[in-house]
Amino acid sequence: MKEYSAGGVVYRQTDGQIEVLLIHDRFNKMTLPKGHLEEGETEKQAALREVREETGIEAQIIGDPLGVISFQFDVPGRGSVTKEVTYYLMEAVSGETKAQIEEIRDVFWFPLEHVLTIHSERGYDNNNIILERAVKRLKGDKA
């Protein structure tokens, strides 16, 4: 079985500094907001909705997708599931962080220069490439 999700690397500028949003998920990992596509929804629509629902932040997509990651997991009674997640770079435009408690524990903003280290120490390895691409774009490099 295959499932599709979308999410975002959300950033904001505060006092001339770029900060990147990470969520603390229910598995005690620091990761990126994401979720499944609802019927009739595009990847972009799902990514924006999931960021809003999970974090309280309204965002806008900046540029082309950062990439797609895939992973597998087992669901009792359903078997093996392959999930593909498309991530976008997003700029926060409004809202205050508010964790969707049913799905995540908390939401944090981290300085751009620390987000890769924090994620590599406490996040999911398969998201590292997505976050690295986002940081490169935010620093003005082609990614």
C-alpha atoms as a PDB file:
ATOM      1  CA  MET A   1       0.000   0.000   0.000  1.00  0.00           C
ATOM      2  CA  LYS A   2       1.176   3.516  -0.783  1.00  0.00           C
ATOM      3  CA  GLU A   3       0.291   6.762   1.015  1.00  0.00           C
ATOM      4  CA  TYR A   4       1.079  10.352   0.106  1.00  0.00           C
ATOM      5  CA  SER A   5       1.775  13.254   2.437  1.00  0.00           C
ATOM      6  CA  ALA A   6       3.094  16.792   2.178  1.00  0.00           C
ATOM      7  CA  GLY A   7       4.740  19.211   4.570  1.00  0.00           C
ATOM      8  CA  GLY A   8       7.008  22.152   4.936  1.00  0.00           C
ATOM      9  CA  VAL A   9      10.211  23.658   6.176  1.00  0.00           C
ATOM     10  CA  VAL A  10       8.815  26.857   7.660  1.00  0.00           C
ATOM     11  CA  TYR A  11      10.983  29.897   8.338  1.00  0.00           C
ATOM     12  CA  ARG A  12      10.590  33.447   9.589  1.00  0.00           C
ATOM     13  CA  GLN A  13      12.797  36.495   9.938  1.00  0.00           C
ATOM     14  CA  THR A  14      13.016  37.988  13.423  1.00  0.00           C
ATOM     15  CA  ASP A  15      15.272  40.940  14.194  1.00  0.00           C
ATOM     16  CA  GLY A  16      17.274  40.263  11.028  1.00  0.00           C
ATOM     17  CA  GLN A  17      17.778  36.584  11.887  1.00  0.00           C
ATOM     18  CA  ILE A  18      16.242  33.604  10.096  1.00  0.00           C
ATOM     19  CA  GLU A  19      14.583  30.989  12.302  1.00  0.00           C
ATOM     20  CA  VAL A  20      13.289  27.574  11.236  1.00  0.00           C
ATOM     21  CA  LEU A  21      10.348  25.771  12.795  1.00  0.00           C
ATOM     22  CA  LEU A  22      10.632  22.200  14.067  1.00  0.00           C
ATOM     23  CA  ILE A  23       8.000  20.143  15.831  1.00  0.00           C
ATOM     24  CA  HIS A  24       8.563  17.778  18.748  1.00  0.00           C
ATOM     25  CA  ASP A  25       6.538  14.746  17.709  1.00  0.00           C
ATOM     26  CA  ARG A  26       4.840  12.050  19.782  1.00  0.00           C
ATOM     27  CA  PHE A  27       7.825   9.726  19.186  1.00  0.00           C
ATOM     28  CA  ASN A  28      10.148  12.234  20.941  1.00  0.00           C
ATOM     29  CA  LYS A  29      11.798  13.365  17.689  1.00  0.00           C
ATOM     30  CA  MET A  30      12.374  16.887  16.347  1.00  0.00           C
ATOM     31  CA  THR A  31      10.964  16.941  12.835  1.00  0.00           C
ATOM     32  CA  LEU A  32       9.062  18.828  10.159  1.00  0.00           C
ATOM     33  CA  PRO A  33       5.296  19.338  10.011  1.00  0.00           C
ATOM     34  CA  LYS A  34       3.592  17.077   7.472  1.00  0.00           C
ATOM     35  CA  GLY A  35       0.443  15.072   6.910  1.00  0.00           C
ATOM     36  CA  HIS A  36      -1.665  13.110   4.481  1.00  0.00           C
ATOM     37  CA  LEU A  37      -3.405  14.485   1.427  1.00  0.00           C
ATOM     38  CA  GLU A  38      -7.150  14.671   1.809  1.00  0.00           C
ATOM     39  CA  GLU A  39      -9.405  13.719  -1.097  1.00  0.00           C
ATOM     40  CA  GLY A  40      -9.251  16.283  -3.888  1.00  0.00           C
ATOM     41  CA  GLU A  41      -6.381  18.175  -2.280  1.00  0.00           C
ATOM     42  CA  THR A  42      -3.123  19.072  -4.048  1.00  0.00           C
ATOM     43  CA  GLU A  43       0.255  18.526  -2.394  1.00  0.00           C
ATOM     44  CA  LYS A  44       0.642  22.277  -1.903  1.00  0.00           C
ATOM     45  CA  GLN A  45      -2.797  22.601  -0.314  1.00  0.00           C
ATOM     46  CA  ALA A  46      -2.095  19.668   2.003  1.00  0.00           C
ATOM     47  CA  ALA A  47       1.312  21.032   2.996  1.00  0.00           C
ATOM     48  CA  LEU A  48      -0.119  24.446   3.905  1.00  0.00           C
ATOM     49  CA  ARG A  49      -3.079  22.909   5.766  1.00  0.00           C
ATOM     50  CA  GLU A  50      -0.892  20.526   7.745  1.00  0.00           C
ATOM     51  CA  VAL A  51       1.503  23.301   8.777  1.00  0.00           C
ATOM     52  CA  ARG A  52      -1.458  25.398   9.932  1.00  0.00           C
ATOM     53  CA  GLU A  53      -3.152  22.508  11.780  1.00  0.00           C
ATOM     54  CA  GLU A  54      -0.024  21.146  13.475  1.00  0.00           C
ATOM     55  CA  THR A  55       1.678  24.430  14.356  1.00  0.00           C
ATOM     56  CA  GLY A  56      -0.829  27.316  14.228  1.00  0.00           C
ATOM     57  CA  ILE A  57       1.304  29.067  11.598  1.00  0.00           C
ATOM     58  CA  GLU A  58      -0.099  30.398   8.320  1.00  0.00           C
ATOM     59  CA  ALA A  59       2.575  30.162   5.645  1.00  0.00           C
ATOM     60  CA  GLN A  60       3.170  30.660   1.950  1.00  0.00           C
ATOM     61  CA  ILE A  61       5.128  28.334  -0.301  1.00  0.00           C
ATOM     62  CA  ILE A  62       8.382  29.701  -1.701  1.00  0.00           C
ATOM     63  CA  GLY A  63       9.573  28.119  -4.940  1.00  0.00           C
ATOM     64  CA  ASP A  64       9.654  24.553  -6.158  1.00  0.00           C
ATOM     65  CA  PRO A  65       9.456  21.516  -3.853  1.00  0.00           C
ATOM     66  CA  LEU A  66      12.529  20.793  -1.749  1.00  0.00           C
ATOM     67  CA  GLY A  67      12.167  17.117  -2.577  1.00  0.00           C
ATOM     68  CA  VAL A  68      10.368  13.887  -1.804  1.00  0.00           C
ATOM     69  CA  ILE A  69      11.341  11.375   0.844  1.00  0.00           C
ATOM     70  CA  SER A  70       9.911   7.893   1.235  1.00  0.00           C
ATOM     71  CA  PHE A  71       9.866   5.386   4.034  1.00  0.00           C
ATOM     72  CA  GLN A  72       8.111   2.184   5.019  1.00  0.00           C
ATOM     73  CA  PHE A  73       6.310   1.127   8.162  1.00  0.00           C
ATOM     74  CA  ASP A  74       3.979  -1.665   9.208  1.00  0.00           C
ATOM     75  CA  VAL A  75       0.376  -1.161  10.244  1.00  0.00           C
ATOM     76  CA  PRO A  76      -1.228  -4.007  12.189  1.00  0.00           C
ATOM     77  CA  GLY A  77      -3.941  -5.592  10.068  1.00  0.00           C
ATOM     78  CA  ARG A  78      -2.921  -3.681   6.922  1.00  0.00           C
ATOM     79  CA  GLY A  79       0.676  -4.763   6.396  1.00  0.00           C
ATOM     80  CA  SER A  80       3.518  -2.731   4.967  1.00  0.00           C
ATOM     81  CA  VAL A  81       2.893   0.881   3.954  1.00  0.00           C
ATOM     82  CA  THR A  82       5.192   2.981   1.782  1.00  0.00           C
ATOM     83  CA  LYS A  83       4.778   6.690   2.434  1.00  0.00           C
ATOM     84  CA  GLU A  84       6.014   9.448   0.129  1.00  0.00           C
ATOM     85  CA  VAL A  85       6.266  12.969   1.550  1.00  0.00           C
ATOM     86  CA  THR A  86       6.766  16.063  -0.608  1.00  0.00           C
ATOM     87  CA  TYR A  87       8.266  19.021   1.263  1.00  0.00           C
ATOM     88  CA  TYR A  88       8.139  22.719   0.399  1.00  0.00           C
ATOM     89  CA  LEU A  89      10.033  25.722   1.687  1.00  0.00           C
ATOM     90  CA  MET A  90       7.524  28.029   3.374  1.00  0.00           C
ATOM     91  CA  GLU A  91       7.651  31.509   4.824  1.00  0.00           C
ATOM     92  CA  ALA A  92       5.544  32.136   7.928  1.00  0.00           C
ATOM     93  CA  VAL A  93       3.116  34.994   7.303  1.00  0.00           C
ATOM     94  CA  SER A  94       1.007  35.024  10.470  1.00  0.00           C
ATOM     95  CA  GLY A  95      -0.065  33.107  13.540  1.00  0.00           C
ATOM     96  CA  GLU A  96       1.380  32.068  16.865  1.00  0.00           C
ATOM     97  CA  THR A  97       2.831  28.620  17.450  1.00  0.00           C
ATOM     98  CA  LYS A  98       0.283  26.275  18.964  1.00  0.00           C
ATOM     99  CA  ALA A  99       0.931  22.549  18.896  1.00  0.00           C
ATOM    100  CA  GLN A 100      -1.829  20.239  17.700  1.00  0.00           C
ATOM    101  CA  ILE A 101      -1.717  18.200  20.901  1.00  0.00           C
ATOM    102  CA  GLU A 102      -3.435  15.164  19.358  1.00  0.00           C
ATOM    103  CA  GLU A 103      -0.473  14.700  17.025  1.00  0.00           C
ATOM    104  CA  ILE A 104       2.569  16.533  18.372  1.00  0.00           C
ATOM    105  CA  ARG A 105       4.047  17.640  21.689  1.00  0.00           C
ATOM    106  CA  ASP A 106       5.355  21.129  20.926  1.00  0.00           C
ATOM    107  CA  VAL A 107       6.551  23.601  18.302  1.00  0.00           C
ATOM    108  CA  PHE A 108       9.878  25.469  18.398  1.00  0.00           C
ATOM    109  CA  TRP A 109      11.727  28.106  16.363  1.00  0.00           C
ATOM    110  CA  PHE A 110      15.484  27.554  16.014  1.00  0.00           C
ATOM    111  CA  PRO A 111      18.154  29.873  14.563  1.00  0.00           C
ATOM    112  CA  LEU A 112      19.094  28.884  11.012  1.00  0.00           C
ATOM    113  CA  GLU A 113      22.693  28.218  12.054  1.00  0.00           C
ATOM    114  CA  HIS A 114      21.619  25.605  14.649  1.00  0.00           C
ATOM    115  CA  VAL A 115      18.677  23.849  13.013  1.00  0.00           C
ATOM    116  CA  LEU A 116      20.712  21.252  11.084  1.00  0.00           C
ATOM    117  CA  THR A 117      22.611  20.180  14.201  1.00  0.00           C
ATOM    118  CA  ILE A 118      19.464  19.948  16.309  1.00  0.00           C
ATOM    119  CA  HIS A 119      17.658  17.957  13.652  1.00  0.00           C
ATOM    120  CA  SER A 120      20.595  15.621  12.961  1.00  0.00           C
ATOM    121  CA  GLU A 121      20.884  14.847  16.692  1.00  0.00           C
ATOM    122  CA  ARG A 122      17.168  14.477  17.444  1.00  0.00           C
ATOM    123  CA  GLY A 123      15.344  14.058  14.121  1.00  0.00           C
ATOM    124  CA  TYR A 124      14.718  11.485  11.421  1.00  0.00           C
ATOM    125  CA  ASP A 125      17.696  10.769   9.155  1.00  0.00           C
ATOM    126  CA  ASN A 126      15.588  10.691   5.982  1.00  0.00           C
ATOM    127  CA  ASN A 127      14.575  14.349   6.511  1.00  0.00           C
ATOM    128  CA  ASN A 128      18.183  15.586   6.715  1.00  0.00           C
ATOM    129  CA  ILE A 129      18.477  16.112   2.951  1.00  0.00           C
ATOM    130  CA  ILE A 130      15.262  18.172   2.894  1.00  0.00           C
ATOM    131  CA  LEU A 131      16.428  20.404   5.716  1.00  0.00           C
ATOM    132  CA  GLU A 132      19.889  20.770   4.153  1.00  0.00           C
ATOM    133  CA  ARG A 133      18.313  21.923   0.873  1.00  0.00           C
ATOM    134  CA  ALA A 134      16.109  24.407   2.735  1.00  0.00           C
ATOM    135  CA  VAL A 135      19.070  25.869   4.619  1.00  0.00           C
ATOM    136  CA  LYS A 136      21.010  26.257   1.353  1.00  0.00           C
ATOM    137  CA  ARG A 137      18.088  28.111  -0.231  1.00  0.00           C
ATOM    138  CA  LEU A 138      17.713  30.342   2.796  1.00  0.00           C
ATOM    139  CA  LYS A 139      21.424  31.179   2.646  1.00  0.00           C
ATOM    140  CA  GLY A 140      21.059  32.087  -1.025  1.00  0.00           C
ATOM    141  CA  ASP A 141      22.680  28.984  -2.504  1.00  0.00           C
ATOM    142  CA  LYS A 142      21.047  27.022  -5.304  1.00  0.00           C
ATOM    143  CA  ALA A 143      19.367  23.879  -3.979  1.00  0.00           C
END
